[in-house]
C-alpha atoms as a PDB file:
ATOM      1  CA  UNK A   1       2.772 -15.315   6.882  1.00  0.00           C
ATOM      2  CA  UNK A   2      -1.337 -14.408   8.138  1.00  0.00           C
ATOM      3  CA  UNK A   3      -2.249 -11.416   6.406  1.00  0.00           C
ATOM      4  CA  UNK A   4      -4.989  -9.371   6.705  1.00  0.00           C
ATOM      5  CA  UNK A   5      -6.153  -6.585   4.052  1.00  0.00           C
ATOM      6  CA  UNK A   6      -7.680  -3.380   5.476  1.00  0.00           C
ATOM      7  CA  UNK A   7      -8.839  -2.126   2.641  1.00  0.00           C
ATOM      8  CA  UNK A   8      -8.743  -4.690  -0.197  1.00  0.00           C
ATOM      9  CA  UNK A   9      -9.499  -1.386  -1.976  1.00  0.00           C
ATOM     10  CA  UNK A  10      -7.763  -1.631  -5.673  1.00  0.00           C
ATOM     11  CA  UNK A  11      -3.871  -1.746  -3.973  1.00  0.00           C
ATOM     12  CA  UNK A  12      -5.233  -4.316  -1.077  1.00  0.00           C
ATOM     13  CA  UNK A  13      -6.758  -7.049  -3.797  1.00  0.00           C
ATOM     14  CA  UNK A  14      -3.796  -6.939  -6.225  1.00  0.00           C
ATOM     15  CA  UNK A  15      -0.949  -7.458  -3.821  1.00  0.00           C
ATOM     16  CA  UNK A  16      -3.669 -10.124  -2.880  1.00  0.00           C
ATOM     17  CA  UNK A  17      -3.304 -11.571  -5.773  1.00  0.00           C
ATOM     18  CA  UNK A  18       1.030 -11.997  -5.341  1.00  0.00           C
ATOM     19  CA  UNK A  19       1.194 -12.464  -2.129  1.00  0.00           C
ATOM     20  CA  UNK A  20      -1.464 -15.632  -2.744  1.00  0.00           C
ATOM     21  CA  UNK A  21       0.262 -17.090  -5.014  1.00  0.00           C
ATOM     22  CA  UNK A  22       3.688 -16.971  -2.947  1.00  0.00           C
ATOM     23  CA  UNK A  23       1.465 -19.259  -0.333  1.00  0.00           C
ATOM     24  CA  UNK A  24       0.315 -16.499   2.378  1.00  0.00           C
ATOM     25  CA  UNK A  25      -2.942 -16.850   3.795  1.00  0.00           C
ATOM     26  CA  UNK A  26      -4.783 -14.420   3.601  1.00  0.00           C
ATOM     27  CA  UNK A  27      -8.429 -12.926   4.734  1.00  0.00           C
ATOM     28  CA  UNK A  28      -9.773  -9.982   2.771  1.00  0.00           C
ATOM     29  CA  UNK A  29     -12.189  -7.294   4.022  1.00  0.00           C
ATOM     30  CA  UNK A  30     -13.484  -3.686   2.247  1.00  0.00           C
ATOM     31  CA  UNK A  31     -16.099  -1.008   3.426  1.00  0.00           C
ATOM     32  CA  UNK A  32     -18.945  -0.540   1.797  1.00  0.00           C
ATOM     33  CA  UNK A  33     -19.654  -1.971  -1.452  1.00  0.00           C
ATOM     34  CA  UNK A  34     -18.785  -5.721  -1.839  1.00  0.00           C
ATOM     35  CA  UNK A  35     -19.000  -6.073  -5.870  1.00  0.00           C
ATOM     36  CA  UNK A  36     -15.614  -5.464  -6.238  1.00  0.00           C
ATOM     37  CA  UNK A  37     -14.514  -8.035  -3.791  1.00  0.00           C
ATOM     38  CA  UNK A  38     -16.920 -10.794  -4.109  1.00  0.00           C
ATOM     39  CA  UNK A  39     -15.757 -10.766  -8.063  1.00  0.00           C
ATOM     40  CA  UNK A  40     -11.834 -10.738  -6.759  1.00  0.00           C
ATOM     41  CA  UNK A  41     -12.598 -13.514  -4.993  1.00  0.00           C
ATOM     42  CA  UNK A  42     -11.934 -16.695  -7.327  1.00  0.00           C
ATOM     43  CA  UNK A  43      -8.640 -15.256  -8.278  1.00  0.00           C
ATOM     44  CA  UNK A  44      -7.501 -15.879  -4.576  1.00  0.00           C
ATOM     45  CA  UNK A  45      -9.227 -19.505  -3.884  1.00  0.00           C
ATOM     46  CA  UNK A  46      -7.710 -20.334  -0.206  1.00  0.00           C
ATOM     47  CA  UNK A  47      -8.696 -16.860   0.498  1.00  0.00           C
ATOM     48  CA  UNK A  48     -11.024 -15.630   3.511  1.00  0.00           C
ATOM     49  CA  UNK A  49     -13.173 -12.380   3.039  1.00  0.00           C
ATOM     50  CA  UNK A  50     -14.824 -11.096   6.293  1.00  0.00           C
ATOM     51  CA  UNK A  51     -15.256  -7.734   8.709  1.00  0.00           C
ATOM     52  CA  UNK A  52     -12.548  -5.488   8.921  1.00  0.00           C
ATOM     53  CA  UNK A  53     -11.922  -6.062  12.642  1.00  0.00           C
ATOM     54  CA  UNK A  54     -11.741  -9.861  11.843  1.00  0.00           C
ATOM     55  CA  UNK A  55      -9.478  -8.882   8.896  1.00  0.00           C
ATOM     56  CA  UNK A  56      -7.562  -7.402  11.741  1.00  0.00           C
ATOM     57  CA  UNK A  57      -7.846 -10.165  14.101  1.00  0.00           C
ATOM     58  CA  UNK A  58      -6.730 -12.496  11.217  1.00  0.00           C
ATOM     59  CA  UNK A  59      -3.236 -11.106  10.110  1.00  0.00           C
ATOM     60  CA  UNK A  60       0.059 -11.322  12.360  1.00  0.00           C
ATOM     61  CA  UNK A  61       0.457  -8.890   9.466  1.00  0.00           C
ATOM     62  CA  UNK A  62      -1.719  -6.111   8.382  1.00  0.00           C
ATOM     63  CA  UNK A  63      -2.245  -4.447   5.276  1.00  0.00           C
ATOM     64  CA  UNK A  64      -4.050  -0.960   6.015  1.00  0.00           C
ATOM     65  CA  UNK A  65      -5.095   0.086   3.221  1.00  0.00           C
ATOM     66  CA  UNK A  66      -7.548   2.905   3.506  1.00  0.00           C
ATOM     67  CA  UNK A  67      -9.085   6.101   2.583  1.00  0.00           C
ATOM     68  CA  UNK A  68      -7.022   8.827   4.294  1.00  0.00           C
ATOM     69  CA  UNK A  69     -10.436  10.469   5.454  1.00  0.00           C
ATOM     70  CA  UNK A  70     -11.879   7.054   6.863  1.00  0.00           C
ATOM     71  CA  UNK A  71      -9.019   6.589   9.510  1.00  0.00           C
ATOM     72  CA  UNK A  72     -10.478   7.805  12.182  1.00  0.00           C
ATOM     73  CA  UNK A  73     -13.637   5.560  11.403  1.00  0.00           C
ATOM     74  CA  UNK A  74     -11.132   2.604  10.683  1.00  0.00           C
ATOM     75  CA  UNK A  75      -9.539   2.855  13.453  1.00  0.00           C
ATOM     76  CA  UNK A  76     -12.530   2.962  15.466  1.00  0.00           C
ATOM     77  CA  UNK A  77     -13.451  -0.051  14.108  1.00  0.00           C
ATOM     78  CA  UNK A  78     -10.580  -2.493  14.160  1.00  0.00           C
ATOM     79  CA  UNK A  79      -9.378  -1.304  17.408  1.00  0.00           C
ATOM     80  CA  UNK A  80      -5.752  -0.909  18.620  1.00  0.00           C
ATOM     81  CA  UNK A  81      -3.635  -3.688  16.704  1.00  0.00           C
ATOM     82  CA  UNK A  82      -1.148  -3.731  19.285  1.00  0.00           C
ATOM     83  CA  UNK A  83       1.088  -6.304  18.666  1.00  0.00           C
ATOM     84  CA  UNK A  84       0.419  -6.558  14.659  1.00  0.00           C
ATOM     85  CA  UNK A  85       2.988  -5.542  11.955  1.00  0.00           C
ATOM     86  CA  UNK A  86       0.883  -2.725  10.313  1.00  0.00           C
ATOM     87  CA  UNK A  87       2.206  -2.179   6.556  1.00  0.00           C
ATOM     88  CA  UNK A  88       0.572   1.974   5.905  1.00  0.00           C
ATOM     89  CA  UNK A  89       0.114   2.370   1.970  1.00  0.00           C
ATOM     90  CA  UNK A  90      -2.213   5.110   2.371  1.00  0.00           C
ATOM     91  CA  UNK A  91      -1.145   8.684   0.983  1.00  0.00           C
ATOM     92  CA  UNK A  92      -2.370  12.520   2.861  1.00  0.00           C
ATOM     93  CA  UNK A  93      -5.514  12.443   0.361  1.00  0.00           C
ATOM     94  CA  UNK A  94      -8.273  14.446   0.694  1.00  0.00           C
ATOM     95  CA  UNK A  95     -11.657  15.855  -1.714  1.00  0.00           C
ATOM     96  CA  UNK A  96     -13.484  19.116  -1.724  1.00  0.00           C
ATOM     97  CA  UNK A  97     -16.445  19.846  -2.414  1.00  0.00           C
ATOM     98  CA  UNK A  98     -16.343  19.296  -5.649  1.00  0.00           C
ATOM     99  CA  UNK A  99     -15.398  15.481  -5.138  1.00  0.00           C
ATOM    100  CA  UNK A 100     -11.378  16.430  -6.339  1.00  0.00           C
ATOM    101  CA  UNK A 101      -9.430  14.731  -4.300  1.00  0.00           C
ATOM    102  CA  UNK A 102      -6.050  16.550  -3.622  1.00  0.00           C
ATOM    103  CA  UNK A 103      -2.904  16.252  -1.256  1.00  0.00           C
ATOM    104  CA  UNK A 104      -3.020  17.394   2.031  1.00  0.00           C
ATOM    105  CA  UNK A 105       0.563  19.554   1.679  1.00  0.00           C
ATOM    106  CA  UNK A 106       0.051  21.537   5.308  1.00  0.00           C
ATOM    107  CA  UNK A 107      -0.484  18.011   6.858  1.00  0.00           C
ATOM    108  CA  UNK A 108       2.437  16.607   4.748  1.00  0.00           C
ATOM    109  CA  UNK A 109       5.376  20.081   6.115  1.00  0.00           C
ATOM    110  CA  UNK A 110       5.844  17.854   9.291  1.00  0.00           C
ATOM    111  CA  UNK A 111       3.698  14.666   9.098  1.00  0.00           C
ATOM    112  CA  UNK A 112       2.943  11.613   7.194  1.00  0.00           C
ATOM    113  CA  UNK A 113      -0.338   8.942   7.147  1.00  0.00           C
ATOM    114  CA  UNK A 114       2.384   6.238   8.864  1.00  0.00           C
ATOM    115  CA  UNK A 115       3.659   9.010  11.587  1.00  0.00           C
ATOM    116  CA  UNK A 116      -0.002   9.672  12.051  1.00  0.00           C
ATOM    117  CA  UNK A 117      -0.861   6.084  12.088  1.00  0.00           C
ATOM    118  CA  UNK A 118       2.220   5.058  14.442  1.00  0.00           C
ATOM    119  CA  UNK A 119       0.684   7.644  16.974  1.00  0.00           C
ATOM    120  CA  UNK A 120      -2.736   6.173  16.810  1.00  0.00           C
ATOM    121  CA  UNK A 121      -1.385   3.094  17.392  1.00  0.00           C
ATOM    122  CA  UNK A 122       1.584   2.930  20.126  1.00  0.00           C
ATOM    123  CA  UNK A 123       1.497  -0.896  20.449  1.00  0.00           C
ATOM    124  CA  UNK A 124       1.500  -1.286  17.007  1.00  0.00           C
ATOM    125  CA  UNK A 125       4.787  -2.052  14.047  1.00  0.00           C
ATOM    126  CA  UNK A 126       3.657   0.516  11.336  1.00  0.00           C
ATOM    127  CA  UNK A 127       5.834   0.221   8.099  1.00  0.00           C
ATOM    128  CA  UNK A 128       5.561   2.289   4.951  1.00  0.00           C
ATOM    129  CA  UNK A 129       5.657   0.475   1.707  1.00  0.00           C
ATOM    130  CA  UNK A 130       3.742   0.312  -0.961  1.00  0.00           C
ATOM    131  CA  UNK A 131       2.440   3.653  -1.326  1.00  0.00           C
ATOM    132  CA  UNK A 132       4.586   5.700  -4.557  1.00  0.00           C
ATOM    133  CA  UNK A 133       2.821   3.393  -7.073  1.00  0.00           C
ATOM    134  CA  UNK A 134      -1.346   3.442  -8.565  1.00  0.00           C
ATOM    135  CA  UNK A 135      -2.474   0.415  -8.522  1.00  0.00           C
ATOM    136  CA  UNK A 136      -2.327  -0.698 -12.278  1.00  0.00           C
ATOM    137  CA  UNK A 137       1.755  -0.029 -11.692  1.00  0.00           C
ATOM    138  CA  UNK A 138       1.836  -2.044  -8.200  1.00  0.00           C
ATOM    139  CA  UNK A 139       0.542  -4.975 -10.866  1.00  0.00           C
ATOM    140  CA  UNK A 140       3.500  -6.844 -10.621  1.00  0.00           C
ATOM    141  CA  UNK A 141       2.222  -8.796 -14.138  1.00  0.00           C
ATOM    142  CA  UNK A 142       3.178  -6.078 -15.412  1.00  0.00           C
ATOM    143  CA  UNK A 143       6.521  -6.659 -15.558  1.00  0.00           C
ATOM    144  CA  UNK A 144       6.847  -9.568 -16.377  1.00  0.00           C
ATOM    145  CA  UNK A 145       9.668  -9.773 -19.043  1.00  0.00           C
ATOM    146  CA  UNK A 146      11.845  -6.816 -17.884  1.00  0.00           C
ATOM    147  CA  UNK A 147      15.124  -7.205 -16.286  1.00  0.00           C
ATOM    148  CA  UNK A 148      14.868  -5.769 -13.230  1.00  0.00           C
ATOM    149  CA  UNK A 149      12.225  -4.768 -11.010  1.00  0.00           C
ATOM    150  CA  UNK A 150      10.544  -1.146  -9.282  1.00  0.00           C
ATOM    151  CA  UNK A 151      11.036   0.059  -6.538  1.00  0.00           C
ATOM    152  CA  UNK A 152       9.282  -0.005  -2.792  1.00  0.00           C
ATOM    153  CA  UNK A 153      10.556   1.765  -0.902  1.00  0.00           C
ATOM    154  CA  UNK A 154      10.084   1.144   3.175  1.00  0.00           C
ATOM    155  CA  UNK A 155       9.952   2.515   6.466  1.00  0.00           C
ATOM    156  CA  UNK A 156       9.592   1.751   9.753  1.00  0.00           C
ATOM    157  CA  UNK A 157      10.516   2.378  13.375  1.00  0.00           C
ATOM    158  CA  UNK A 158      10.567  -1.191  14.190  1.00  0.00           C
ATOM    159  CA  UNK A 159      13.912  -3.278  12.470  1.00  0.00           C
ATOM    160  CA  UNK A 160      11.747  -6.975  12.431  1.00  0.00           C
ATOM    161  CA  UNK A 161       8.266  -4.977  10.603  1.00  0.00           C
ATOM    162  CA  UNK A 162      10.986  -4.031   7.835  1.00  0.00           C
ATOM    163  CA  UNK A 163      11.980  -7.241   7.725  1.00  0.00           C
ATOM    164  CA  UNK A 164       8.724  -8.711   7.098  1.00  0.00           C
ATOM    165  CA  UNK A 165       7.894  -6.091   4.125  1.00  0.00           C
ATOM    166  CA  UNK A 166      10.823  -5.918   2.996  1.00  0.00           C
ATOM    167  CA  UNK A 167      10.150 -10.104   2.299  1.00  0.00           C
ATOM    168  CA  UNK A 168       6.273  -9.166   0.940  1.00  0.00           C
ATOM    169  CA  UNK A 169       7.662  -6.942  -1.265  1.00  0.00           C
ATOM    170  CA  UNK A 170       9.605  -9.544  -2.482  1.00  0.00           C
ATOM    171  CA  UNK A 171       6.666 -11.917  -2.702  1.00  0.00           C
ATOM    172  CA  UNK A 172       4.865  -9.465  -4.621  1.00  0.00           C
ATOM    173  CA  UNK A 173       7.841  -9.360  -7.416  1.00  0.00           C
ATOM    174  CA  UNK A 174       9.425  -5.589  -6.412  1.00  0.00           C
ATOM    175  CA  UNK A 175      12.619  -5.185  -5.024  1.00  0.00           C
ATOM    176  CA  UNK A 176      12.705  -3.085  -1.679  1.00  0.00           C
ATOM    177  CA  UNK A 177      14.871  -0.561  -0.508  1.00  0.00           C
ATOM    178  CA  UNK A 178      15.277   0.448   2.806  1.00  0.00           C
ATOM    179  CA  UNK A 179      14.815   3.977   3.272  1.00  0.00           C
ATOM    180  CA  UNK A 180      15.236   4.032   7.421  1.00  0.00           C
ATOM    181  CA  UNK A 181      12.827   5.479  10.123  1.00  0.00           C
ATOM    182  CA  UNK A 182       9.376   5.703  10.141  1.00  0.00           C
ATOM    183  CA  UNK A 183       9.882   9.509   9.166  1.00  0.00           C
ATOM    184  CA  UNK A 184      11.400   8.523   6.133  1.00  0.00           C
ATOM    185  CA  UNK A 185       7.891   7.901   5.510  1.00  0.00           C
ATOM    186  CA  UNK A 186       7.693  11.825   4.589  1.00  0.00           C
ATOM    187  CA  UNK A 187      10.163  11.555   1.712  1.00  0.00           C
ATOM    188  CA  UNK A 188       8.026   8.450   0.118  1.00  0.00           C
ATOM    189  CA  UNK A 189       4.974  10.474  -0.019  1.00  0.00           C
ATOM    190  CA  UNK A 190       6.482  13.119  -1.505  1.00  0.00           C
ATOM    191  CA  UNK A 191       7.700  10.950  -3.887  1.00  0.00           C
ATOM    192  CA  UNK A 192       3.985   9.878  -4.190  1.00  0.00           C
ATOM    193  CA  UNK A 193       3.033  13.666  -5.224  1.00  0.00           C
ATOM    194  CA  UNK A 194       5.899  14.229  -7.850  1.00  0.00           C
ATOM    195  CA  UNK A 195       4.561  10.548  -9.774  1.00  0.00           C
ATOM    196  CA  UNK A 196       0.785  11.527  -9.483  1.00  0.00           C
ATOM    197  CA  UNK A 197       1.777  15.195 -11.625  1.00  0.00           C
ATOM    198  CA  UNK A 198       3.600  13.576 -13.482  1.00  0.00           C
ATOM    199  CA  UNK A 199       0.507  11.086 -13.849  1.00  0.00           C
ATOM    200  CA  UNK A 200      -1.642  13.970 -14.326  1.00  0.00           C
ATOM    201  CA  UNK A 201       0.449  16.374 -16.413  1.00  0.00           C
ATOM    202  CA  UNK A 202       2.873  14.237 -18.534  1.00  0.00           C
ATOM    203  CA  UNK A 203       0.773  10.722 -19.506  1.00  0.00           C
ATOM    204  CA  UNK A 204      -2.461  13.097 -19.524  1.00  0.00           C
ATOM    205  CA  UNK A 205      -4.027  10.798 -16.293  1.00  0.00           C
ATOM    206  CA  UNK A 206      -3.015   7.068 -18.067  1.00  0.00           C
ATOM    207  CA  UNK A 207      -0.637   6.240 -14.792  1.00  0.00           C
ATOM    208  CA  UNK A 208      -0.359   2.505 -16.173  1.00  0.00           C
ATOM    209  CA  UNK A 209       2.525   4.629 -18.123  1.00  0.00           C
ATOM    210  CA  UNK A 210       3.994   5.152 -15.042  1.00  0.00           C
ATOM    211  CA  UNK A 211       5.834   2.187 -15.537  1.00  0.00           C
ATOM    212  CA  UNK A 212       9.035   2.897 -17.140  1.00  0.00           C
ATOM    213  CA  UNK A 213       9.722   6.019 -13.902  1.00  0.00           C
ATOM    214  CA  UNK A 214      10.245   2.778 -11.660  1.00  0.00           C
ATOM    215  CA  UNK A 215      12.803   1.002 -13.416  1.00  0.00           C
ATOM    216  CA  UNK A 216      16.619   1.896 -12.994  1.00  0.00           C
ATOM    217  CA  UNK A 217      17.697   3.866 -15.410  1.00  0.00           C
ATOM    218  CA  UNK A 218      19.648   2.386 -18.075  1.00  0.00           C
ATOM    219  CA  UNK A 219      18.630  -0.855 -17.169  1.00  0.00           C
ATOM    220  CA  UNK A 220      15.660  -1.209 -19.417  1.00  0.00           C
ATOM    221  CA  UNK A 221      14.767   0.480 -22.184  1.00  0.00           C
ATOM    222  CA  UNK A 222      11.763   2.085 -21.336  1.00  0.00           C
ATOM    223  CA  UNK A 223       8.347   2.300 -23.955  1.00  0.00           C
ATOM    224  CA  UNK A 224       6.160   4.606 -23.627  1.00  0.00           C
END
């Protein structure tokens, strides 16, 4: 499968590693500083790199892993993505004048990043997935040897696109769960808020220790 990754930040690079190992064709793009992407590329030797518009053009599937405040800027750069399957990993995170990130709870009352993305990309097939886990937990290598894989919740109004995202979740080493229509992205994003609070308060900001909370109760001993 041809996958364009816009933007190849922490989440994009981690999924790229797993999809590369699964045999998919990748084109990775990153806005801004290219140092991390350049250093990462040897790990995905068959993958190409390019600009965000090139990644969007390349992929039958486009991983849309974009910083929420840069949504409009990124969409203006990549175009309408008509006919593409667009997997949205975003969360509605804004930043204040002190450069502190916070969830836009007012926006989340009756909306989700995925629904907003679908409105702005009416010709694309938007799927919500891969948004509940921080990047260290989304690395399938962290789960090697466990009796079960953590869940990836998948929501879309397009069944064919959802099926593709479910397959890609499996290819990345996770257990996908069909969460229904795209409106369910609201619940998925709320779960992300809850887990952010758990990571901040219970694990004192060490988000890698969230891993056991993603495992099915009773199937694996949680060691924290």
